């Protein structure tokens, strides 16, 4: 995280895994905390792997989820987001078939 985003993370905790399209590879998903004392409030995308970064509170994510293209539901990335959020979110790519959970 530090190399790609400028964020120093602590307390990594394994959450889940999924197969990766490269032969015999596995993607691992972890939750972690950001060490703001070491990192500060500035996030810096590396410009290659990550070109845009933004912080969301749970309330901001709930309010804006219908305008954001979240990862597909079958992805580990979506699982990580909804795990942190605490419920299901409806993304811009999914239309208005439901409503974001109240958080």
N, C-alpha and C. Protein backbone atom coordinates (compact mmCIF):
# COMPACT_ATOMS: atom_id res chain seq x y z
N UNK A 1 0.81 -1.19 0.00
CA UNK A 1 0.00 0.00 0.00
C UNK A 1 0.86 1.26 0.00
N UNK A 2 1.93 1.24 0.73
CA UNK A 2 2.78 2.43 0.83
C UNK A 2 3.33 2.81 -0.55
N UNK A 3 3.80 1.84 -1.28
CA UNK A 3 4.39 2.08 -2.60
C UNK A 3 3.36 2.58 -3.59
N UNK A 4 2.16 2.02 -3.60
CA UNK A 4 1.13 2.36 -4.60
C UNK A 4 0.29 3.57 -4.23
N UNK A 5 0.14 3.84 -2.92
CA UNK A 5 -0.80 4.89 -2.52
C UNK A 5 -0.26 5.89 -1.51
N UNK A 6 0.89 5.63 -0.96
CA UNK A 6 1.41 6.49 0.08
C UNK A 6 0.83 6.21 1.45
N UNK A 7 0.07 5.13 1.57
CA UNK A 7 -0.57 4.79 2.85
C UNK A 7 0.21 3.69 3.56
N UNK A 8 0.55 3.94 4.80
CA UNK A 8 1.17 2.91 5.63
C UNK A 8 0.05 2.22 6.39
N UNK A 9 -0.07 0.91 6.20
CA UNK A 9 -1.15 0.17 6.87
C UNK A 9 -0.57 -0.71 7.97
N UNK A 10 -1.43 -0.96 8.97
CA UNK A 10 -1.06 -1.82 10.09
C UNK A 10 -2.19 -2.82 10.33
N UNK A 11 -1.93 -3.79 11.13
CA UNK A 11 -2.90 -4.81 11.53
C UNK A 11 -3.60 -5.49 10.35
N UNK A 12 -2.85 -5.97 9.37
CA UNK A 12 -3.52 -6.68 8.27
C UNK A 12 -4.19 -7.95 8.78
N UNK A 13 -5.42 -8.17 8.33
CA UNK A 13 -6.19 -9.34 8.73
C UNK A 13 -6.77 -9.99 7.49
N UNK A 14 -6.48 -11.27 7.30
CA UNK A 14 -6.98 -12.00 6.13
C UNK A 14 -8.50 -12.05 6.17
N UNK A 15 -9.15 -11.78 5.01
CA UNK A 15 -10.60 -11.85 4.92
C UNK A 15 -11.06 -12.94 3.96
N UNK A 16 -10.46 -12.99 2.77
CA UNK A 16 -10.93 -13.96 1.77
C UNK A 16 -9.91 -14.06 0.64
N UNK A 17 -10.18 -14.99 -0.29
CA UNK A 17 -9.32 -15.13 -1.46
C UNK A 17 -10.18 -15.50 -2.67
N UNK A 18 -9.61 -15.31 -3.86
CA UNK A 18 -10.27 -15.74 -5.09
C UNK A 18 -9.20 -16.05 -6.12
N UNK A 19 -9.54 -16.88 -7.07
CA UNK A 19 -8.56 -17.21 -8.11
C UNK A 19 -8.27 -15.96 -8.94
N UNK A 20 -7.09 -15.92 -9.51
CA UNK A 20 -6.62 -14.80 -10.31
C UNK A 20 -6.36 -15.32 -11.72
N UNK A 21 -6.58 -14.51 -12.77
CA UNK A 21 -6.50 -15.02 -14.14
C UNK A 21 -5.12 -15.48 -14.61
N UNK A 22 -4.08 -15.20 -13.86
CA UNK A 22 -2.77 -15.71 -14.24
C UNK A 22 -2.69 -17.16 -13.81
N UNK A 23 -2.00 -17.98 -14.55
CA UNK A 23 -1.95 -19.41 -14.21
C UNK A 23 -1.49 -19.66 -12.77
N UNK A 24 -2.27 -20.48 -12.10
CA UNK A 24 -1.93 -20.95 -10.75
C UNK A 24 -1.72 -19.81 -9.75
N UNK A 25 -2.52 -18.76 -9.87
CA UNK A 25 -2.37 -17.62 -8.97
C UNK A 25 -3.61 -17.45 -8.10
N UNK A 26 -3.43 -16.78 -6.99
CA UNK A 26 -4.50 -16.57 -6.03
C UNK A 26 -4.44 -15.13 -5.55
N UNK A 27 -5.58 -14.44 -5.52
CA UNK A 27 -5.64 -13.09 -5.00
C UNK A 27 -6.13 -13.19 -3.56
N UNK A 28 -5.43 -12.53 -2.67
CA UNK A 28 -5.77 -12.54 -1.25
C UNK A 28 -6.34 -11.19 -0.86
N UNK A 29 -7.39 -11.18 -0.05
CA UNK A 29 -7.99 -9.94 0.42
C UNK A 29 -7.80 -9.78 1.91
N UNK A 30 -7.30 -8.63 2.29
CA UNK A 30 -7.05 -8.32 3.69
C UNK A 30 -7.73 -7.02 4.07
N UNK A 31 -8.13 -6.90 5.30
CA UNK A 31 -8.52 -5.61 5.86
C UNK A 31 -7.30 -5.12 6.63
N UNK A 32 -7.22 -3.82 6.85
CA UNK A 32 -6.10 -3.24 7.59
C UNK A 32 -6.50 -1.86 8.09
N UNK A 33 -5.70 -1.31 8.94
CA UNK A 33 -5.90 0.05 9.42
C UNK A 33 -4.79 0.92 8.84
N UNK A 34 -5.11 2.18 8.62
CA UNK A 34 -4.12 3.13 8.12
C UNK A 34 -3.44 3.79 9.30
N UNK A 35 -2.13 3.86 9.25
CA UNK A 35 -1.35 4.54 10.29
C UNK A 35 -1.25 6.01 9.90
N UNK A 36 -2.23 6.82 10.34
CA UNK A 36 -2.25 8.23 9.97
C UNK A 36 -1.09 9.01 10.58
N UNK A 37 -0.58 8.57 11.72
CA UNK A 37 0.54 9.27 12.33
C UNK A 37 1.78 9.17 11.44
N UNK A 38 1.97 8.03 10.79
CA UNK A 38 3.13 7.85 9.92
C UNK A 38 2.86 8.34 8.50
N UNK A 39 1.62 8.21 8.04
CA UNK A 39 1.27 8.52 6.67
C UNK A 39 0.81 9.96 6.49
N UNK A 40 0.12 10.49 7.48
CA UNK A 40 -0.51 11.80 7.33
C UNK A 40 -1.83 11.65 6.59
N UNK A 41 -2.44 12.76 6.27
CA UNK A 41 -3.73 12.74 5.60
C UNK A 41 -3.61 12.69 4.08
N UNK A 42 -2.40 12.77 3.55
CA UNK A 42 -2.22 12.83 2.11
C UNK A 42 -2.13 11.45 1.49
N UNK A 43 -2.95 11.20 0.48
CA UNK A 43 -2.85 9.97 -0.28
C UNK A 43 -2.29 10.32 -1.65
N UNK A 44 -1.37 9.48 -2.14
CA UNK A 44 -0.67 9.77 -3.38
C UNK A 44 -0.73 8.56 -4.30
N UNK A 45 -1.63 8.56 -5.29
CA UNK A 45 -1.64 7.43 -6.22
C UNK A 45 -0.33 7.37 -6.99
N UNK A 46 0.12 6.16 -7.30
CA UNK A 46 1.39 6.00 -8.01
C UNK A 46 1.31 6.42 -9.47
N UNK A 47 0.10 6.59 -10.02
CA UNK A 47 -0.05 7.02 -11.40
C UNK A 47 0.04 5.91 -12.42
N UNK A 48 0.34 4.69 -11.98
CA UNK A 48 0.45 3.56 -12.89
C UNK A 48 -0.62 2.52 -12.54
N UNK A 49 -0.45 1.86 -11.41
CA UNK A 49 -1.43 0.88 -10.95
C UNK A 49 -2.68 1.57 -10.39
N UNK A 50 -2.47 2.69 -9.73
CA UNK A 50 -3.56 3.45 -9.13
C UNK A 50 -3.45 4.89 -9.63
N UNK A 51 -4.51 5.37 -10.29
CA UNK A 51 -4.47 6.73 -10.82
C UNK A 51 -5.36 7.70 -10.05
N UNK A 52 -6.28 7.17 -9.26
CA UNK A 52 -7.18 8.05 -8.50
C UNK A 52 -7.53 7.39 -7.17
N UNK A 53 -7.43 8.15 -6.11
CA UNK A 53 -7.77 7.67 -4.77
C UNK A 53 -8.72 8.64 -4.11
N UNK A 54 -9.60 8.11 -3.29
CA UNK A 54 -10.52 8.96 -2.54
C UNK A 54 -10.95 8.23 -1.28
N UNK A 55 -11.04 8.97 -0.16
CA UNK A 55 -11.57 8.44 1.08
C UNK A 55 -13.08 8.60 1.07
N UNK A 56 -13.80 7.61 1.62
CA UNK A 56 -15.23 7.69 1.81
C UNK A 56 -15.54 7.33 3.25
N UNK A 57 -16.45 8.07 3.87
CA UNK A 57 -17.03 7.61 5.13
C UNK A 57 -18.15 6.65 4.73
N UNK A 58 -18.69 5.90 5.67
CA UNK A 58 -19.82 5.02 5.35
C UNK A 58 -21.01 5.82 4.85
N UNK A 59 -21.26 6.97 5.48
CA UNK A 59 -22.38 7.81 5.07
C UNK A 59 -22.18 8.34 3.65
N UNK A 60 -20.97 8.76 3.32
CA UNK A 60 -20.68 9.26 1.96
C UNK A 60 -20.84 8.15 0.94
N UNK A 61 -20.38 6.95 1.26
CA UNK A 61 -20.50 5.84 0.34
C UNK A 61 -21.96 5.48 0.10
N UNK A 62 -22.76 5.46 1.14
CA UNK A 62 -24.19 5.17 1.00
C UNK A 62 -24.86 6.22 0.12
N UNK A 63 -24.51 7.48 0.32
CA UNK A 63 -25.13 8.57 -0.43
C UNK A 63 -24.72 8.57 -1.90
N UNK A 64 -23.50 8.11 -2.19
CA UNK A 64 -22.98 8.20 -3.55
C UNK A 64 -22.87 6.87 -4.29
N UNK A 65 -23.19 5.77 -3.65
CA UNK A 65 -23.00 4.44 -4.25
C UNK A 65 -23.68 4.31 -5.61
N UNK A 66 -24.86 4.87 -5.77
CA UNK A 66 -25.60 4.74 -7.03
C UNK A 66 -24.93 5.51 -8.16
N UNK A 67 -23.98 6.38 -7.83
CA UNK A 67 -23.25 7.17 -8.84
C UNK A 67 -21.86 6.61 -9.12
N UNK A 68 -21.45 5.62 -8.35
CA UNK A 68 -20.08 5.08 -8.44
C UNK A 68 -20.11 3.70 -9.09
N UNK A 69 -19.12 3.41 -9.90
CA UNK A 69 -18.99 2.07 -10.47
C UNK A 69 -18.17 1.22 -9.52
N UNK A 70 -18.86 0.46 -8.70
CA UNK A 70 -18.18 -0.45 -7.78
C UNK A 70 -17.79 -1.72 -8.52
N UNK A 71 -16.81 -2.46 -8.01
CA UNK A 71 -16.45 -3.74 -8.63
C UNK A 71 -17.64 -4.70 -8.69
N UNK A 72 -17.57 -5.65 -9.59
CA UNK A 72 -18.62 -6.66 -9.76
C UNK A 72 -18.86 -7.41 -8.45
N UNK A 73 -20.09 -7.85 -8.22
CA UNK A 73 -20.45 -8.55 -6.98
C UNK A 73 -19.66 -9.83 -6.72
N UNK A 74 -19.19 -10.48 -7.77
CA UNK A 74 -18.46 -11.73 -7.57
C UNK A 74 -16.99 -11.51 -7.22
N UNK A 75 -16.54 -10.26 -7.21
CA UNK A 75 -15.13 -9.97 -6.97
C UNK A 75 -14.82 -9.85 -5.48
N UNK A 76 -13.59 -10.15 -5.17
CA UNK A 76 -13.13 -10.00 -3.79
C UNK A 76 -13.10 -8.52 -3.40
N UNK A 77 -12.85 -7.65 -4.38
CA UNK A 77 -12.83 -6.21 -4.11
C UNK A 77 -14.19 -5.75 -3.58
N UNK A 78 -15.26 -6.21 -4.21
CA UNK A 78 -16.61 -5.84 -3.77
C UNK A 78 -16.88 -6.41 -2.38
N UNK A 79 -16.44 -7.63 -2.14
CA UNK A 79 -16.61 -8.24 -0.82
C UNK A 79 -15.93 -7.41 0.26
N UNK A 80 -14.74 -6.92 -0.03
CA UNK A 80 -14.00 -6.11 0.93
C UNK A 80 -14.73 -4.80 1.21
N UNK A 81 -15.23 -4.16 0.16
CA UNK A 81 -15.96 -2.89 0.32
C UNK A 81 -17.21 -3.09 1.16
N UNK A 82 -18.01 -4.10 0.80
CA UNK A 82 -19.27 -4.31 1.53
C UNK A 82 -19.03 -4.84 2.94
N UNK A 83 -17.95 -5.56 3.15
CA UNK A 83 -17.59 -5.98 4.51
C UNK A 83 -17.32 -4.76 5.37
N UNK A 84 -16.51 -3.84 4.86
CA UNK A 84 -16.21 -2.60 5.60
C UNK A 84 -17.48 -1.78 5.80
N UNK A 85 -18.29 -1.67 4.77
CA UNK A 85 -19.51 -0.87 4.85
C UNK A 85 -20.51 -1.47 5.84
N UNK A 86 -20.60 -2.79 5.87
CA UNK A 86 -21.52 -3.47 6.77
C UNK A 86 -22.83 -3.88 6.14
N UNK A 87 -22.87 -3.93 4.82
CA UNK A 87 -24.09 -4.33 4.13
C UNK A 87 -23.93 -4.21 2.63
N UNK A 88 -25.02 -4.49 1.95
CA UNK A 88 -25.01 -4.46 0.49
C UNK A 88 -25.15 -3.03 -0.03
N UNK A 89 -24.44 -2.73 -1.12
CA UNK A 89 -24.54 -1.44 -1.79
C UNK A 89 -25.01 -1.66 -3.22
N UNK A 90 -25.76 -0.73 -3.76
CA UNK A 90 -26.19 -0.79 -5.15
C UNK A 90 -25.34 0.21 -5.92
N UNK A 91 -24.59 -0.29 -6.88
CA UNK A 91 -23.66 0.51 -7.67
C UNK A 91 -24.34 1.10 -8.90
N UNK A 92 -23.73 2.10 -9.51
CA UNK A 92 -24.25 2.72 -10.73
C UNK A 92 -24.44 1.69 -11.84
N UNK A 93 -23.60 0.68 -11.90
CA UNK A 93 -23.70 -0.34 -12.94
C UNK A 93 -24.87 -1.30 -12.71
N UNK A 94 -25.46 -1.25 -11.54
CA UNK A 94 -26.56 -2.16 -11.20
C UNK A 94 -27.93 -1.49 -11.28
N UNK A 95 -27.98 -0.24 -11.62
CA UNK A 95 -29.25 0.45 -11.74
C UNK A 95 -29.86 0.72 -10.38
N UNK A 96 -31.15 0.85 -10.35
CA UNK A 96 -31.86 1.18 -9.12
C UNK A 96 -32.78 0.05 -8.69
N UNK A 97 -32.28 -1.19 -8.77
CA UNK A 97 -33.09 -2.36 -8.39
C UNK A 97 -33.27 -2.48 -6.90
N UNK A 98 -32.60 -1.65 -6.18
CA UNK A 98 -32.69 -1.69 -4.72
C UNK A 98 -32.14 -0.41 -4.17
N UNK A 99 -31.88 -0.41 -2.91
CA UNK A 99 -31.39 0.81 -2.28
C UNK A 99 -30.25 0.45 -1.36
N UNK A 100 -29.30 1.36 -1.22
CA UNK A 100 -28.18 1.14 -0.32
C UNK A 100 -28.69 0.97 1.09
N UNK A 101 -28.01 0.14 1.85
CA UNK A 101 -28.41 -0.05 3.24
C UNK A 101 -28.27 1.23 4.03
N UNK A 102 -28.99 1.33 5.10
CA UNK A 102 -28.91 2.51 5.96
C UNK A 102 -27.73 2.37 6.90
N UNK A 103 -26.80 3.27 6.79
CA UNK A 103 -25.61 3.27 7.66
C UNK A 103 -25.26 4.68 7.98
